[in-house]
Amino acid sequence: MLRFLSGKVHSVFENLVVLNVGGFGFELPCTGRGAALCTEGEPATLVTYLQFSEAGPTLFGFADERERALFLKLTTVKGVGGKMAMNILKAAPPERIVSWILSSDVNSMVKIPGIGRKTAERLCFEMRPHLVGEDAELPAEGYMPAGKKVETAMEALRSLGFAQGEVGTVFRRLKDAGLLEGDDLTEEKILRLALKELKRN
């Protein structure tokens, strides 16, 4: 139901977009990337999800299917509703959020407005099985070798919807180019390199 909407952007206020679709003004709280796609007076297409709660229906807007999929996974966590999940997706790109969860980076999560330490810990604990499988190894506290960082980044990309084949090809290219070496290598840096390479294909 309402998988996407296409129309002319009536207005954009922070992350709230009003989309004129056939004379009907649809109000959508959007992710940062979703709102960035919208310019007043210009046509736009947003992936959507219609959620019903005690407060009534809310139509959420996303830049793509990967954002929508992560939103739905976030709402499976106890205490995380649509508004909180959208708040998380406003704070950072999906690949960064996935990286935080896979590396149990609670300190980064608590910087998101409305996310306390207990909620951040619950998100990291309950979301990991959805992203890497229940038998995934947890990184050692305060230490994650380069190989584990690469594995974490690969899992993050697969959880975002990229196929195993294309992820493997991209990481082979990065390895051959010597880009997966160095003490300053982080999961986020690896993800940025991989996404840049994926966009070239």
C-alpha atoms as a PDB file:
ATOM      1  CA  MET A   1       0.000   0.000   0.000  1.00  0.00           C
ATOM      2  CA  LEU A   2       1.471   3.375  -1.083  1.00  0.00           C
ATOM      3  CA  ARG A   3       4.931   1.991  -1.826  1.00  0.00           C
ATOM      4  CA  PHE A   4       5.971   5.295  -3.411  1.00  0.00           C
ATOM      5  CA  LEU A   5       4.582   8.702  -4.375  1.00  0.00           C
ATOM      6  CA  SER A   6       5.487  10.892  -7.344  1.00  0.00           C
ATOM      7  CA  GLY A   7       4.431  14.505  -7.641  1.00  0.00           C
ATOM      8  CA  LYS A   8       5.479  18.135  -7.383  1.00  0.00           C
ATOM      9  CA  VAL A   9       7.045  19.327  -4.146  1.00  0.00           C
ATOM     10  CA  HIS A  10       4.759  21.912  -2.541  1.00  0.00           C
ATOM     11  CA  SER A  11       6.994  22.697   0.434  1.00  0.00           C
ATOM     12  CA  VAL A  12       9.980  21.457   2.439  1.00  0.00           C
ATOM     13  CA  PHE A  13      10.477  22.401   6.081  1.00  0.00           C
ATOM     14  CA  GLU A  14      13.484  20.715   7.664  1.00  0.00           C
ATOM     15  CA  ASN A  15      12.611  17.036   7.103  1.00  0.00           C
ATOM     16  CA  LEU A  16       8.884  17.523   6.541  1.00  0.00           C
ATOM     17  CA  VAL A  17       7.893  17.391   2.872  1.00  0.00           C
ATOM     18  CA  VAL A  18       4.489  18.189   1.370  1.00  0.00           C
ATOM     19  CA  LEU A  19       4.096  16.466  -1.987  1.00  0.00           C
ATOM     20  CA  ASN A  20       1.336  17.487  -4.396  1.00  0.00           C
ATOM     21  CA  VAL A  21       0.084  14.290  -6.037  1.00  0.00           C
ATOM     22  CA  GLY A  22      -2.841  14.893  -8.386  1.00  0.00           C
ATOM     23  CA  GLY A  23      -4.079  17.835  -6.349  1.00  0.00           C
ATOM     24  CA  PHE A  24      -3.734  16.046  -2.993  1.00  0.00           C
ATOM     25  CA  GLY A  25      -1.117  17.335  -0.557  1.00  0.00           C
ATOM     26  CA  PHE A  26       0.623  14.426   1.155  1.00  0.00           C
ATOM     27  CA  GLU A  27       2.613  15.396   4.264  1.00  0.00           C
ATOM     28  CA  LEU A  28       5.626  13.134   4.812  1.00  0.00           C
ATOM     29  CA  PRO A  29       8.224  13.143   7.593  1.00  0.00           C
ATOM     30  CA  CYS A  30      11.348  12.205   5.602  1.00  0.00           C
ATOM     31  CA  THR A  31      14.872  10.956   6.157  1.00  0.00           C
ATOM     32  CA  GLY A  32      17.693  13.419   5.557  1.00  0.00           C
ATOM     33  CA  ARG A  33      18.404  11.891   2.156  1.00  0.00           C
ATOM     34  CA  GLY A  34      14.712  11.828   1.285  1.00  0.00           C
ATOM     35  CA  ALA A  35      14.260  15.516   2.089  1.00  0.00           C
ATOM     36  CA  ALA A  36      17.440  16.334   0.141  1.00  0.00           C
ATOM     37  CA  LEU A  37      15.796  14.929  -2.997  1.00  0.00           C
ATOM     38  CA  CYS A  38      13.003  17.501  -2.744  1.00  0.00           C
ATOM     39  CA  THR A  39      13.074  21.078  -4.014  1.00  0.00           C
ATOM     40  CA  GLU A  40       9.998  23.290  -3.848  1.00  0.00           C
ATOM     41  CA  GLY A  41       8.239  23.470  -7.197  1.00  0.00           C
ATOM     42  CA  GLU A  42      10.205  20.545  -8.656  1.00  0.00           C
ATOM     43  CA  PRO A  43       8.996  16.956  -9.305  1.00  0.00           C
ATOM     44  CA  ALA A  44      10.118  14.255  -6.888  1.00  0.00           C
ATOM     45  CA  THR A  45       9.550  10.583  -6.135  1.00  0.00           C
ATOM     46  CA  LEU A  46       9.729   9.256  -2.581  1.00  0.00           C
ATOM     47  CA  VAL A  47       9.581   5.654  -1.382  1.00  0.00           C
ATOM     48  CA  THR A  48       6.936   5.521   1.357  1.00  0.00           C
ATOM     49  CA  TYR A  49       5.623   3.509   4.274  1.00  0.00           C
ATOM     50  CA  LEU A  50       2.174   4.034   5.797  1.00  0.00           C
ATOM     51  CA  GLN A  51       2.148   3.268   9.518  1.00  0.00           C
ATOM     52  CA  PHE A  52      -0.911   3.124  11.754  1.00  0.00           C
ATOM     53  CA  SER A  53      -0.619   3.856  15.461  1.00  0.00           C
ATOM     54  CA  GLU A  54      -2.821   5.052  18.320  1.00  0.00           C
ATOM     55  CA  ALA A  55      -2.117   8.624  17.192  1.00  0.00           C
ATOM     56  CA  GLY A  56      -3.438   7.809  13.716  1.00  0.00           C
ATOM     57  CA  PRO A  57      -1.820   7.081  10.331  1.00  0.00           C
ATOM     58  CA  THR A  58       1.567   8.539   9.396  1.00  0.00           C
ATOM     59  CA  LEU A  59       3.117   8.398   5.935  1.00  0.00           C
ATOM     60  CA  PHE A  60       6.930   8.277   6.058  1.00  0.00           C
ATOM     61  CA  GLY A  61       9.174   9.182   3.118  1.00  0.00           C
ATOM     62  CA  PHE A  62      12.521   7.667   2.110  1.00  0.00           C
ATOM     63  CA  ALA A  63      15.143   8.247  -0.551  1.00  0.00           C
ATOM     64  CA  ASP A  64      15.200   4.577  -1.596  1.00  0.00           C
ATOM     65  CA  GLU A  65      14.165   1.020  -0.712  1.00  0.00           C
ATOM     66  CA  ARG A  66      17.266   0.457   1.434  1.00  0.00           C
ATOM     67  CA  GLU A  67      16.264   3.265   3.791  1.00  0.00           C
ATOM     68  CA  ARG A  68      12.725   1.879   3.971  1.00  0.00           C
ATOM     69  CA  ALA A  69      14.016  -1.628   4.748  1.00  0.00           C
ATOM     70  CA  LEU A  70      16.252  -0.357   7.558  1.00  0.00           C
ATOM     71  CA  PHE A  71      13.351   1.700   8.947  1.00  0.00           C
ATOM     72  CA  LEU A  72      11.192  -1.442   9.137  1.00  0.00           C
ATOM     73  CA  LYS A  73      13.996  -3.371  10.870  1.00  0.00           C
ATOM     74  CA  LEU A  74      14.455  -0.588  13.416  1.00  0.00           C
ATOM     75  CA  THR A  75      10.747  -0.625  14.311  1.00  0.00           C
ATOM     76  CA  THR A  76      10.999  -4.310  15.292  1.00  0.00           C
ATOM     77  CA  VAL A  77      13.065  -3.258  18.326  1.00  0.00           C
ATOM     78  CA  LYS A  78      11.034  -2.921  21.528  1.00  0.00           C
ATOM     79  CA  GLY A  79      10.305   0.724  22.307  1.00  0.00           C
ATOM     80  CA  VAL A  80      11.262   1.985  18.838  1.00  0.00           C
ATOM     81  CA  GLY A  81       8.268   3.347  16.964  1.00  0.00           C
ATOM     82  CA  GLY A  82       8.043   4.985  13.585  1.00  0.00           C
ATOM     83  CA  LYS A  83       8.940   8.456  14.829  1.00  0.00           C
ATOM     84  CA  MET A  84      12.034   7.256  16.692  1.00  0.00           C
ATOM     85  CA  ALA A  85      13.156   5.124  13.727  1.00  0.00           C
ATOM     86  CA  MET A  86      12.767   8.159  11.462  1.00  0.00           C
ATOM     87  CA  ASN A  87      14.714  10.237  13.987  1.00  0.00           C
ATOM     88  CA  ILE A  88      17.583   7.751  13.719  1.00  0.00           C
ATOM     89  CA  LEU A  89      17.515   7.880   9.916  1.00  0.00           C
ATOM     90  CA  LYS A  90      17.524  11.684  10.016  1.00  0.00           C
ATOM     91  CA  ALA A  91      20.706  11.635  12.096  1.00  0.00           C
ATOM     92  CA  ALA A  92      22.936   9.634   9.752  1.00  0.00           C
ATOM     93  CA  PRO A  93      22.999   7.701   6.454  1.00  0.00           C
ATOM     94  CA  PRO A  94      21.852   4.048   6.638  1.00  0.00           C
ATOM     95  CA  GLU A  95      25.347   2.629   6.121  1.00  0.00           C
ATOM     96  CA  ARG A  96      26.658   4.616   9.097  1.00  0.00           C
ATOM     97  CA  ILE A  97      23.780   3.467  11.314  1.00  0.00           C
ATOM     98  CA  VAL A  98      24.393  -0.151  10.301  1.00  0.00           C
ATOM     99  CA  SER A  99      28.092   0.304  11.047  1.00  0.00           C
ATOM    100  CA  TRP A 100      27.296   1.667  14.525  1.00  0.00           C
ATOM    101  CA  ILE A 101      25.015  -1.290  15.257  1.00  0.00           C
ATOM    102  CA  LEU A 102      27.418  -3.948  13.959  1.00  0.00           C
ATOM    103  CA  SER A 103      30.316  -2.480  15.963  1.00  0.00           C
ATOM    104  CA  SER A 104      28.106  -1.830  19.046  1.00  0.00           C
ATOM    105  CA  ASP A 105      29.042   1.856  18.929  1.00  0.00           C
ATOM    106  CA  VAL A 106      26.681   2.979  21.686  1.00  0.00           C
ATOM    107  CA  ASN A 107      28.521   6.288  22.154  1.00  0.00           C
ATOM    108  CA  SER A 108      27.632   7.374  18.613  1.00  0.00           C
ATOM    109  CA  MET A 109      24.043   6.180  18.954  1.00  0.00           C
ATOM    110  CA  VAL A 110      23.353   8.211  22.115  1.00  0.00           C
ATOM    111  CA  LYS A 111      24.209  11.406  20.226  1.00  0.00           C
ATOM    112  CA  ILE A 112      20.967  10.976  18.269  1.00  0.00           C
ATOM    113  CA  PRO A 113      18.189  13.127  19.827  1.00  0.00           C
ATOM    114  CA  GLY A 114      15.777  10.978  21.840  1.00  0.00           C
ATOM    115  CA  ILE A 115      18.120   7.971  22.080  1.00  0.00           C
ATOM    116  CA  GLY A 116      19.316   7.182  25.601  1.00  0.00           C
ATOM    117  CA  ARG A 117      22.011   4.682  26.510  1.00  0.00           C
ATOM    118  CA  LYS A 118      19.565   1.858  27.314  1.00  0.00           C
ATOM    119  CA  THR A 119      17.754   2.313  23.996  1.00  0.00           C
ATOM    120  CA  ALA A 120      21.078   2.455  22.126  1.00  0.00           C
ATOM    121  CA  GLU A 121      22.255  -0.753  23.806  1.00  0.00           C
ATOM    122  CA  ARG A 122      18.925  -2.443  23.003  1.00  0.00           C
ATOM    123  CA  LEU A 123      19.178  -1.330  19.365  1.00  0.00           C
ATOM    124  CA  CYS A 124      22.689  -2.742  19.021  1.00  0.00           C
ATOM    125  CA  PHE A 125      21.739  -6.005  20.729  1.00  0.00           C
ATOM    126  CA  GLU A 126      18.392  -6.650  19.009  1.00  0.00           C
ATOM    127  CA  MET A 127      19.331  -5.363  15.542  1.00  0.00           C
ATOM    128  CA  ARG A 128      22.528  -7.358  15.077  1.00  0.00           C
ATOM    129  CA  PRO A 129      20.743 -10.654  14.304  1.00  0.00           C
ATOM    130  CA  HIS A 130      18.687  -8.870  11.625  1.00  0.00           C
ATOM    131  CA  LEU A 131      21.865  -7.553  10.001  1.00  0.00           C
ATOM    132  CA  VAL A 132      24.487 -10.291  10.267  1.00  0.00           C
ATOM    133  CA  GLY A 133      22.745 -13.432  11.528  1.00  0.00           C
ATOM    134  CA  GLU A 134      22.401 -14.820  15.017  1.00  0.00           C
ATOM    135  CA  ASP A 135      25.781 -16.577  14.937  1.00  0.00           C
ATOM    136  CA  ALA A 136      27.796 -13.462  14.056  1.00  0.00           C
ATOM    137  CA  GLU A 137      30.877 -12.925  16.191  1.00  0.00           C
ATOM    138  CA  LEU A 138      30.943  -9.793  18.301  1.00  0.00           C
ATOM    139  CA  PRO A 139      34.090  -7.656  18.001  1.00  0.00           C
ATOM    140  CA  ALA A 140      36.369  -7.524  21.034  1.00  0.00           C
ATOM    141  CA  GLU A 141      35.825  -4.488  23.241  1.00  0.00           C
ATOM    142  CA  GLY A 142      37.948  -1.569  22.053  1.00  0.00           C
ATOM    143  CA  TYR A 143      39.685  -3.646  19.376  1.00  0.00           C
ATOM    144  CA  MET A 144      38.704  -4.618  15.862  1.00  0.00           C
ATOM    145  CA  PRO A 145      41.438  -5.796  13.477  1.00  0.00           C
ATOM    146  CA  ALA A 146      41.400  -4.731   9.813  1.00  0.00           C
ATOM    147  CA  GLY A 147      40.019  -8.101   8.688  1.00  0.00           C
ATOM    148  CA  LYS A 148      37.071  -7.860  11.067  1.00  0.00           C
ATOM    149  CA  LYS A 149      36.444  -4.253  10.007  1.00  0.00           C
ATOM    150  CA  VAL A 150      36.267  -5.372   6.372  1.00  0.00           C
ATOM    151  CA  GLU A 151      33.890  -8.211   7.308  1.00  0.00           C
ATOM    152  CA  THR A 152      31.701  -5.745   9.217  1.00  0.00           C
ATOM    153  CA  ALA A 153      31.610  -3.353   6.259  1.00  0.00           C
ATOM    154  CA  MET A 154      30.730  -6.189   3.860  1.00  0.00           C
ATOM    155  CA  GLU A 155      27.906  -7.348   6.128  1.00  0.00           C
ATOM    156  CA  ALA A 156      26.657  -3.768   6.348  1.00  0.00           C
ATOM    157  CA  LEU A 157      26.461  -3.496   2.558  1.00  0.00           C
ATOM    158  CA  ARG A 158      24.701  -6.852   2.238  1.00  0.00           C
ATOM    159  CA  SER A 159      22.181  -5.811   4.900  1.00  0.00           C
ATOM    160  CA  LEU A 160      21.518  -2.656   2.871  1.00  0.00           C
ATOM    161  CA  GLY A 161      20.484  -4.783  -0.101  1.00  0.00           C
ATOM    162  CA  PHE A 162      23.642  -5.112  -2.192  1.00  0.00           C
ATOM    163  CA  ALA A 163      24.195  -8.559  -3.709  1.00  0.00           C
ATOM    164  CA  GLN A 164      26.971 -10.820  -2.419  1.00  0.00           C
ATOM    165  CA  GLY A 165      28.574 -10.924  -5.878  1.00  0.00           C
ATOM    166  CA  GLU A 166      28.873  -7.180  -6.352  1.00  0.00           C
ATOM    167  CA  VAL A 167      30.088  -6.668  -2.774  1.00  0.00           C
ATOM    168  CA  GLY A 168      32.803  -9.286  -3.256  1.00  0.00           C
ATOM    169  CA  THR A 169      33.912  -7.760  -6.575  1.00  0.00           C
ATOM    170  CA  VAL A 170      34.158  -4.280  -5.076  1.00  0.00           C
ATOM    171  CA  PHE A 171      36.219  -5.431  -2.092  1.00  0.00           C
ATOM    172  CA  ARG A 172      38.599  -7.359  -4.353  1.00  0.00           C
ATOM    173  CA  ARG A 173      39.170  -4.140  -6.301  1.00  0.00           C
ATOM    174  CA  LEU A 174      39.786  -2.172  -3.116  1.00  0.00           C
ATOM    175  CA  LYS A 175      42.220  -4.817  -1.870  1.00  0.00           C
ATOM    176  CA  ASP A 176      44.109  -4.921  -5.185  1.00  0.00           C
ATOM    177  CA  ALA A 177      44.377  -1.126  -5.083  1.00  0.00           C
ATOM    178  CA  GLY A 178      45.866  -1.290  -1.585  1.00  0.00           C
ATOM    179  CA  LEU A 179      43.005   0.708  -0.089  1.00  0.00           C
ATOM    180  CA  LEU A 180      42.227  -1.778   2.684  1.00  0.00           C
ATOM    181  CA  GLU A 181      45.485  -1.215   4.519  1.00  0.00           C
ATOM    182  CA  GLY A 182      46.584   1.287   7.155  1.00  0.00           C
ATOM    183  CA  ASP A 183      46.218   1.867  10.886  1.00  0.00           C
ATOM    184  CA  ASP A 184      43.679   4.666  10.336  1.00  0.00           C
ATOM    185  CA  LEU A 185      41.228   2.337   8.596  1.00  0.00           C
ATOM    186  CA  THR A 186      37.745   2.392  10.168  1.00  0.00           C
ATOM    187  CA  GLU A 187      34.503   0.605   9.273  1.00  0.00           C
ATOM    188  CA  GLU A 188      33.008   3.933   8.191  1.00  0.00           C
ATOM    189  CA  LYS A 189      35.977   4.722   5.928  1.00  0.00           C
ATOM    190  CA  ILE A 190      35.783   1.250   4.365  1.00  0.00           C
ATOM    191  CA  LEU A 191      32.049   1.704   3.760  1.00  0.00           C
ATOM    192  CA  ARG A 192      32.632   5.072   2.082  1.00  0.00           C
ATOM    193  CA  LEU A 193      35.291   3.571  -0.196  1.00  0.00           C
ATOM    194  CA  ALA A 194      33.051   0.626  -1.100  1.00  0.00           C
ATOM    195  CA  LEU A 195      29.997   2.803  -1.772  1.00  0.00           C
ATOM    196  CA  LYS A 196      32.066   5.099  -3.975  1.00  0.00           C
ATOM    197  CA  GLU A 197      33.244   2.088  -5.962  1.00  0.00           C
ATOM    198  CA  LEU A 198      29.705   0.681  -6.197  1.00  0.00           C
ATOM    199  CA  LYS A 199      28.444   3.961  -7.649  1.00  0.00           C
ATOM    200  CA  ARG A 200      30.996   3.679 -10.443  1.00  0.00           C
ATOM    201  CA  ASN A 201      29.510   0.372 -11.612  1.00  0.00           C
END
